């Protein structure tokens, strides 16, 4: 009995000594605060200006520098055809003549009448100066001469229109008439286009207007050709298309060997480079129906910022508006973050 009392006393003594150390371990852990419990782990990057180069791609169509459909201004039969399909011509080369015998005969008749009218007007003018005839007779003769001069000039113009010539140097298209055909003003004879000098027209969204200026170089990829072609921006349409919100841009393409043709589809590539651009990983950008946004970390809390984007490459996006230098953006764990939610940053690499 005495031994039991000694053991019990010793146990009580040991417990009393150990209790201050054991008691904290037996307490339940404190409940985490709501902020600590809902803070997802994210990775971030700081925005700093850096050079950025990207390629903008547009769909374009090659068009001739000059292009016309050749028609006759007169109704008549084809008298001669002076070209072959696809022939190259210079300015002034004769293409087609329209039968002109009737007009030529009428012109000769008027020219004879004009000779007589000129003689008569000269004679009556002399007689009027001598006082032998009155002014009315003199004026009638002068008027008759002027009318005939106008008629002769009119017929000469009509006669000249029976000879259809090339207004500029270029390449003729296919022939659509035959000898003896009766042509009307709306009858297509052939086409004429400049091939050695082409333009490429393409539409650019209005947000890229500031990136394109006359004189800047472009690169063209054309189906059937492995090597790209060089072009230079010539002009920009000053009006935005209300339906598509795009601007039409025209660039010039030299084509001395005639490998390109009007109507070819061209893939227009424009290299845009900014020396100090705000560039972020594309995974950080969130696209919705009404806005583009990113999450930044401010005082340990996630804040959604609406941004305006510019160019992009395979992994990065240029930010034009909405972010300032030094902003800390969330680049990983974006999908688990909510506006105003505290976050735990586990890594903050530089933007590259």
Protein backbone atom coordinates (compact mmCIF):
# COMPACT_ATOMS: atom_id res chain seq x y z
CA UNK A 1 0.00 0.00 0.00
CA UNK A 2 2.79 2.30 0.89
CA UNK A 3 4.50 1.55 -2.43
CA UNK A 4 1.30 2.42 -4.40
CA UNK A 5 1.06 5.77 -2.70
CA UNK A 6 4.69 6.53 -3.60
CA UNK A 7 4.10 5.62 -7.29
CA UNK A 8 0.95 7.73 -7.47
CA UNK A 9 2.71 10.68 -5.91
CA UNK A 10 5.55 10.38 -8.41
CA UNK A 11 3.12 10.23 -11.33
CA UNK A 12 1.34 13.35 -10.12
CA UNK A 13 4.64 15.16 -9.77
CA UNK A 14 5.77 14.23 -13.28
CA UNK A 15 2.41 15.27 -14.76
CA UNK A 16 2.56 18.61 -13.02
CA UNK A 17 6.00 19.27 -14.38
CA UNK A 18 5.09 18.19 -17.99
CA UNK A 19 1.67 19.79 -18.25
CA UNK A 20 2.79 23.24 -19.51
CA UNK A 21 4.46 21.55 -22.48
CA UNK A 22 1.70 19.06 -23.24
CA UNK A 23 -1.29 21.39 -22.91
CA UNK A 24 -0.64 23.51 -26.06
CA UNK A 25 -0.31 20.35 -28.10
CA UNK A 26 -3.70 19.11 -26.97
CA UNK A 27 -5.54 22.29 -27.97
CA UNK A 28 -7.46 22.34 -31.33
CA UNK A 29 -5.74 24.34 -34.06
CA UNK A 30 -7.12 27.85 -34.57
CA UNK A 31 -9.54 28.23 -37.46
CA UNK A 32 -7.90 29.95 -40.49
CA UNK A 33 -9.29 33.36 -41.38
CA UNK A 34 -11.53 33.59 -44.45
CA UNK A 35 -8.83 35.47 -46.34
CA UNK A 36 -6.17 32.84 -45.57
CA UNK A 37 -8.53 29.98 -46.40
CA UNK A 38 -9.47 31.41 -49.92
CA UNK A 39 -6.05 32.63 -51.19
CA UNK A 40 -5.09 30.61 -54.30
CA UNK A 41 -1.45 30.23 -55.30
CA UNK A 42 -0.54 32.18 -58.45
CA UNK A 43 2.48 33.14 -60.47
CA UNK A 44 2.99 36.74 -61.53
CA UNK A 45 5.15 38.87 -63.81
CA UNK A 46 5.96 42.54 -63.79
CA UNK A 47 5.28 44.63 -66.90
CA UNK A 48 8.32 46.46 -68.25
CA UNK A 49 8.82 48.16 -71.66
CA UNK A 50 10.69 45.99 -74.16
CA UNK A 51 11.16 45.65 -77.94
CA UNK A 52 8.39 43.69 -79.61
CA UNK A 53 8.05 42.60 -83.21
CA UNK A 54 5.08 40.83 -84.72
CA UNK A 55 3.65 40.09 -88.15
CA UNK A 56 0.23 41.32 -89.21
CA UNK A 57 -1.38 39.29 -92.00
CA UNK A 58 -4.10 40.57 -94.36
CA UNK A 59 -5.88 39.21 -97.42
CA UNK A 60 -5.24 41.17 -100.60
CA UNK A 61 -5.97 41.12 -104.32
CA UNK A 62 -3.59 42.12 -107.10
CA UNK A 63 -4.98 44.69 -109.53
CA UNK A 64 -3.46 46.23 -112.64
CA UNK A 65 -1.99 49.71 -112.42
CA UNK A 66 -4.16 50.59 -115.43
CA UNK A 67 -6.96 48.43 -116.80
CA UNK A 68 -9.73 49.03 -119.34
CA UNK A 69 -12.28 47.14 -121.39
CA UNK A 70 -11.90 48.12 -125.05
CA UNK A 71 -15.16 49.19 -126.76
CA UNK A 72 -16.10 51.08 -129.89
CA UNK A 73 -17.78 54.44 -129.45
CA UNK A 74 -19.53 54.00 -132.82
CA UNK A 75 -21.93 51.45 -134.22
CA UNK A 76 -20.49 49.74 -137.28
CA UNK A 77 -18.90 46.69 -138.85
CA UNK A 78 -15.40 45.54 -137.95
CA UNK A 79 -13.15 46.46 -140.85
CA UNK A 80 -9.81 45.15 -139.55
CA UNK A 81 -8.40 43.44 -136.45
CA UNK A 82 -4.80 44.41 -135.79
CA UNK A 83 -3.91 42.37 -132.72
CA UNK A 84 -3.63 38.82 -131.43
CA UNK A 85 -4.68 37.38 -128.07
CA UNK A 86 -2.32 38.42 -125.29
CA UNK A 87 -0.31 40.79 -127.48
CA UNK A 88 1.80 43.50 -125.88
CA UNK A 89 1.19 46.98 -127.27
CA UNK A 90 2.52 50.47 -126.77
CA UNK A 91 0.49 53.65 -126.48
CA UNK A 92 -1.02 54.58 -129.84
CA UNK A 93 -0.82 51.12 -131.45
CA UNK A 94 -3.85 50.41 -133.68
CA UNK A 95 -6.10 47.65 -132.32
CA UNK A 96 -9.27 47.63 -134.47
CA UNK A 97 -10.82 49.71 -137.25
CA UNK A 98 -14.53 50.16 -137.88
CA UNK A 99 -15.92 50.53 -141.41
CA UNK A 100 -15.67 54.25 -142.24
CA UNK A 101 -16.46 54.66 -145.97
CA UNK A 102 -19.78 56.44 -145.44
CA UNK A 103 -18.32 58.88 -142.93
CA UNK A 104 -15.34 59.58 -145.19
CA UNK A 105 -17.64 60.37 -148.14
CA UNK A 106 -19.77 62.68 -146.03
CA UNK A 107 -16.65 64.43 -144.81
CA UNK A 108 -15.39 65.05 -148.34
CA UNK A 109 -18.78 66.54 -149.28
CA UNK A 110 -18.71 68.91 -146.32
CA UNK A 111 -15.13 69.91 -147.04
CA UNK A 112 -16.12 70.95 -150.59
CA UNK A 113 -19.05 72.94 -149.21
CA UNK A 114 -16.71 74.56 -146.73
CA UNK A 115 -14.33 75.67 -149.48
CA UNK A 116 -17.19 77.43 -151.26
CA UNK A 117 -18.44 78.97 -148.00
CA UNK A 118 -14.99 80.32 -147.20
CA UNK A 119 -14.71 81.92 -150.65
CA UNK A 120 -18.19 83.38 -150.41
CA UNK A 121 -17.58 84.78 -146.90
CA UNK A 122 -14.33 86.42 -148.04
CA UNK A 123 -15.99 87.97 -151.13
CA UNK A 124 -18.97 89.40 -149.19
CA UNK A 125 -16.69 90.76 -146.51
CA UNK A 126 -14.72 92.69 -149.16
CA UNK A 127 -17.93 93.96 -150.75
CA UNK A 128 -19.24 95.05 -147.33
CA UNK A 129 -16.05 97.04 -146.74
CA UNK A 130 -16.61 98.71 -150.10
CA UNK A 131 -20.23 99.48 -149.24
CA UNK A 132 -21.64 97.28 -151.99
CA UNK A 133 -23.59 94.90 -149.66
CA UNK A 134 -25.22 95.34 -146.31
CA UNK A 135 -24.02 93.79 -143.05
CA UNK A 136 -26.79 91.16 -143.07
CA UNK A 137 -25.48 89.53 -146.28
CA UNK A 138 -21.93 89.58 -144.95
CA UNK A 139 -23.02 88.04 -141.60
CA UNK A 140 -25.02 85.26 -143.30
CA UNK A 141 -21.98 84.23 -145.32
CA UNK A 142 -19.68 84.26 -142.29
CA UNK A 143 -22.22 82.23 -140.27
CA UNK A 144 -22.55 79.64 -143.03
CA UNK A 145 -18.79 79.26 -143.12
CA UNK A 146 -18.62 78.76 -139.31
CA UNK A 147 -21.41 76.15 -139.35
CA UNK A 148 -19.66 74.13 -142.04
CA UNK A 149 -16.35 74.35 -140.19
CA UNK A 150 -18.03 72.89 -137.09
CA UNK A 151 -19.67 70.11 -139.16
CA UNK A 152 -16.33 69.19 -140.72
CA UNK A 153 -14.67 69.08 -137.29
CA UNK A 154 -17.48 66.89 -135.90
CA UNK A 155 -17.15 64.40 -138.77
CA UNK A 156 -13.37 64.33 -138.41
CA UNK A 157 -13.80 63.38 -134.76
CA UNK A 158 -16.29 60.63 -135.64
CA UNK A 159 -13.99 59.36 -138.36
CA UNK A 160 -11.07 59.23 -135.92
CA UNK A 161 -13.20 57.06 -133.59
CA UNK A 162 -13.35 54.36 -136.28
CA UNK A 163 -9.69 53.70 -135.49
CA UNK A 164 -9.40 52.23 -131.98
CA UNK A 165 -5.87 52.53 -130.58
CA UNK A 166 -4.23 51.60 -127.28
CA UNK A 167 -4.39 54.56 -124.87
CA UNK A 168 -1.43 53.23 -122.88
CA UNK A 169 1.20 50.50 -123.06
CA UNK A 170 0.13 47.13 -121.75
CA UNK A 171 -1.01 43.62 -122.56
CA UNK A 172 -4.18 42.90 -124.51
CA UNK A 173 -6.57 40.19 -123.42
CA UNK A 174 -8.56 37.71 -125.49
CA UNK A 175 -10.29 38.78 -128.70
CA UNK A 176 -14.12 38.86 -128.49
CA UNK A 177 -14.96 39.95 -132.06
CA UNK A 178 -14.46 38.71 -135.61
CA UNK A 179 -14.08 40.37 -138.97
CA UNK A 180 -17.40 41.76 -140.23
CA UNK A 181 -19.06 41.73 -136.79
CA UNK A 182 -21.52 44.55 -136.19
CA UNK A 183 -20.33 46.13 -132.98
CA UNK A 184 -22.27 48.39 -130.65
CA UNK A 185 -20.87 50.75 -128.01
CA UNK A 186 -21.47 48.05 -125.38
CA UNK A 187 -19.72 45.29 -127.38
CA UNK A 188 -16.55 44.06 -125.66
CA UNK A 189 -13.65 43.94 -128.12
CA UNK A 190 -10.85 42.98 -125.70
CA UNK A 191 -9.17 44.18 -122.52
CA UNK A 192 -5.97 46.11 -121.94
CA UNK A 193 -3.99 45.99 -118.70
CA UNK A 194 -0.57 46.94 -117.43
CA UNK A 195 1.14 43.80 -116.15
CA UNK A 196 4.63 45.04 -115.35
CA UNK A 197 3.29 47.35 -112.65
CA UNK A 198 0.62 46.09 -110.26
CA UNK A 199 -1.13 47.20 -107.12
CA UNK A 200 -2.29 45.07 -104.22
CA UNK A 201 -5.44 46.22 -102.39
CA UNK A 202 -6.20 44.91 -98.91
CA UNK A 203 -8.41 45.86 -95.98
CA UNK A 204 -7.00 46.73 -92.56
CA UNK A 205 -8.99 46.98 -89.29
CA UNK A 206 -9.17 50.59 -88.18
CA UNK A 207 -7.20 49.89 -84.99
CA UNK A 208 -4.08 49.28 -87.10
CA UNK A 209 -4.28 52.62 -88.90
CA UNK A 210 -1.40 54.12 -86.94
CA UNK A 211 0.90 51.24 -87.93
CA UNK A 212 0.61 51.78 -91.68
CA UNK A 213 2.07 54.77 -93.49
CA UNK A 214 2.80 55.45 -97.17
CA UNK A 215 6.24 54.25 -98.18
CA UNK A 216 6.52 51.37 -95.70
CA UNK A 217 7.59 47.96 -97.09
CA UNK A 218 5.37 44.88 -97.21
CA UNK A 219 5.86 41.25 -98.12
CA UNK A 220 3.47 39.29 -100.35
CA UNK A 221 2.91 35.56 -100.52
CA UNK A 222 1.16 34.55 -103.75
CA UNK A 223 -0.18 31.08 -104.52
CA UNK A 224 2.04 29.16 -106.90
CA UNK A 225 5.19 31.09 -105.92
CA UNK A 226 7.56 29.96 -103.18
CA UNK A 227 9.49 33.21 -102.86
CA UNK A 228 7.79 36.30 -101.41
CA UNK A 229 7.37 39.52 -103.40
CA UNK A 230 8.16 43.00 -102.15
CA UNK A 231 5.61 45.80 -102.13
CA UNK A 232 5.50 49.39 -100.89
CA UNK A 233 2.44 51.11 -99.41
CA UNK A 234 1.24 53.74 -101.87
CA UNK A 235 -1.92 55.17 -100.34
CA UNK A 236 -4.53 54.65 -97.62
CA UNK A 237 -8.22 55.30 -98.17
CA UNK A 238 -9.16 58.27 -95.94
CA UNK A 239 -12.60 56.81 -95.20
CA UNK A 240 -13.45 53.88 -92.93
CA UNK A 241 -15.94 51.39 -94.36
CA UNK A 242 -19.01 51.67 -92.13
CA UNK A 243 -20.03 48.04 -92.64
CA UNK A 244 -16.67 46.37 -91.90
CA UNK A 245 -14.85 49.11 -89.95
CA UNK A 246 -11.81 48.65 -92.14
CA UNK A 247 -9.59 50.85 -94.27
CA UNK A 248 -8.52 49.97 -97.81
CA UNK A 249 -4.76 50.14 -98.31
CA UNK A 250 -3.08 50.10 -101.73
CA UNK A 251 0.52 49.01 -102.20
CA UNK A 252 2.67 49.00 -105.34
CA UNK A 253 4.32 45.85 -106.71
CA UNK A 254 6.89 45.79 -109.48
CA UNK A 255 6.35 42.84 -111.84
CA UNK A 256 8.90 43.20 -114.68
CA UNK A 257 8.95 39.49 -115.58
CA UNK A 258 5.12 39.29 -115.55
CA UNK A 259 5.01 36.39 -113.12
CA UNK A 260 2.10 37.95 -111.22
CA UNK A 261 -1.31 38.55 -112.75
CA UNK A 262 -4.17 40.92 -111.93
CA UNK A 263 -6.71 39.10 -109.79
CA UNK A 264 -4.15 36.94 -107.95
CA UNK A 265 -4.83 36.41 -104.26
CA UNK A 266 -2.02 37.78 -102.09
CA UNK A 267 -1.25 37.13 -98.45
CA UNK A 268 0.03 40.51 -97.25
CA UNK A 269 2.49 40.44 -94.35
CA UNK A 270 3.37 43.59 -92.42
CA UNK A 271 6.15 43.48 -89.81
CA UNK A 272 5.40 45.83 -86.95
CA UNK A 273 8.11 46.68 -84.39
CA UNK A 274 7.85 48.74 -81.22
CA UNK A 275 10.98 49.55 -79.22
CA UNK A 276 9.15 50.06 -75.91
CA UNK A 277 6.04 47.94 -75.76
CA UNK A 278 4.14 46.45 -72.84
CA UNK A 279 4.16 42.74 -73.62
CA UNK A 280 2.61 40.02 -71.47
CA UNK A 281 2.13 36.26 -71.89
CA UNK A 282 -1.02 35.48 -73.84
CA UNK A 283 -2.16 33.05 -71.10
CA UNK A 284 -2.70 36.06 -68.83
CA UNK A 285 -5.30 37.59 -71.14
CA UNK A 286 -9.00 36.83 -70.65
CA UNK A 287 -11.42 37.40 -73.53
CA UNK A 288 -15.14 37.93 -72.98
CA UNK A 289 -17.94 39.12 -75.22
CA UNK A 290 -17.66 42.73 -74.14
CA UNK A 291 -14.06 43.21 -72.95
CA UNK A 292 -10.50 41.96 -72.80
CA UNK A 293 -8.97 41.92 -69.33
CA UNK A 294 -6.12 40.70 -67.12
CA UNK A 295 -5.71 40.19 -63.37
CA UNK A 296 -3.16 42.27 -61.49
CA UNK A 297 -2.05 41.87 -57.89
CA UNK A 298 -2.41 45.04 -55.81
CA UNK A 299 -1.74 44.90 -52.08
CA UNK A 300 -2.06 41.13 -52.15
CA UNK A 301 -5.50 41.22 -53.78
CA UNK A 302 -6.49 40.27 -57.35
CA UNK A 303 -7.82 43.21 -59.39
CA UNK A 304 -9.34 42.82 -62.87
CA UNK A 305 -8.09 45.40 -65.37
CA UNK A 306 -9.72 45.99 -68.77
CA UNK A 307 -7.04 46.34 -71.45
CA UNK A 308 -6.73 47.10 -75.14
CA UNK A 309 -4.51 44.67 -77.03
CA UNK A 310 -2.37 45.22 -80.10
CA UNK A 311 -0.23 42.75 -81.96
CA UNK A 312 0.60 39.26 -80.81
CA UNK A 313 2.90 36.39 -81.58
CA UNK A 314 2.72 32.71 -80.67
CA UNK A 315 2.99 33.32 -76.91
CA UNK A 316 2.80 37.05 -76.16
CA UNK A 317 0.34 39.92 -76.52
CA UNK A 318 1.06 43.63 -76.77
CA UNK A 319 -0.96 45.80 -74.39
CA UNK A 320 -1.80 49.23 -75.77
CA UNK A 321 -3.97 50.55 -72.93
CA UNK A 322 -4.95 49.51 -69.41
CA UNK A 323 -1.60 48.68 -67.80
CA UNK A 324 1.23 50.84 -66.52
CA UNK A 325 4.90 50.14 -66.06
CA UNK A 326 5.63 47.88 -63.10
CA UNK A 327 2.13 46.41 -62.93
CA UNK A 328 2.17 42.88 -61.49
CA UNK A 329 0.00 40.60 -63.60
CA UNK A 330 -1.13 37.06 -62.86
CA UNK A 331 0.25 34.65 -65.44
CA UNK A 332 -0.59 31.28 -63.87
CA UNK A 333 -3.66 30.25 -61.90
CA UNK A 334 -5.82 32.88 -63.59
CA UNK A 335 -8.87 30.60 -63.85
CA UNK A 336 -9.05 30.11 -60.07
CA UNK A 337 -8.86 33.83 -59.23
CA UNK A 338 -11.82 36.10 -58.55
CA UNK A 339 -12.07 39.88 -58.39
CA UNK A 340 -11.03 41.21 -54.95
CA UNK A 341 -9.74 37.82 -53.77
CA UNK A 342 -6.45 37.63 -51.83
CA UNK A 343 -3.78 35.58 -53.60
CA UNK A 344 -0.55 33.91 -52.61
CA UNK A 345 2.34 34.64 -54.96
CA UNK A 346 4.61 31.62 -55.35
CA UNK A 347 6.85 32.98 -58.10
CA UNK A 348 7.30 36.27 -59.92
CA UNK A 349 9.44 35.89 -63.02
CA UNK A 350 10.26 38.83 -65.26
CA UNK A 351 8.21 39.36 -68.42
CA UNK A 352 10.18 38.02 -71.37
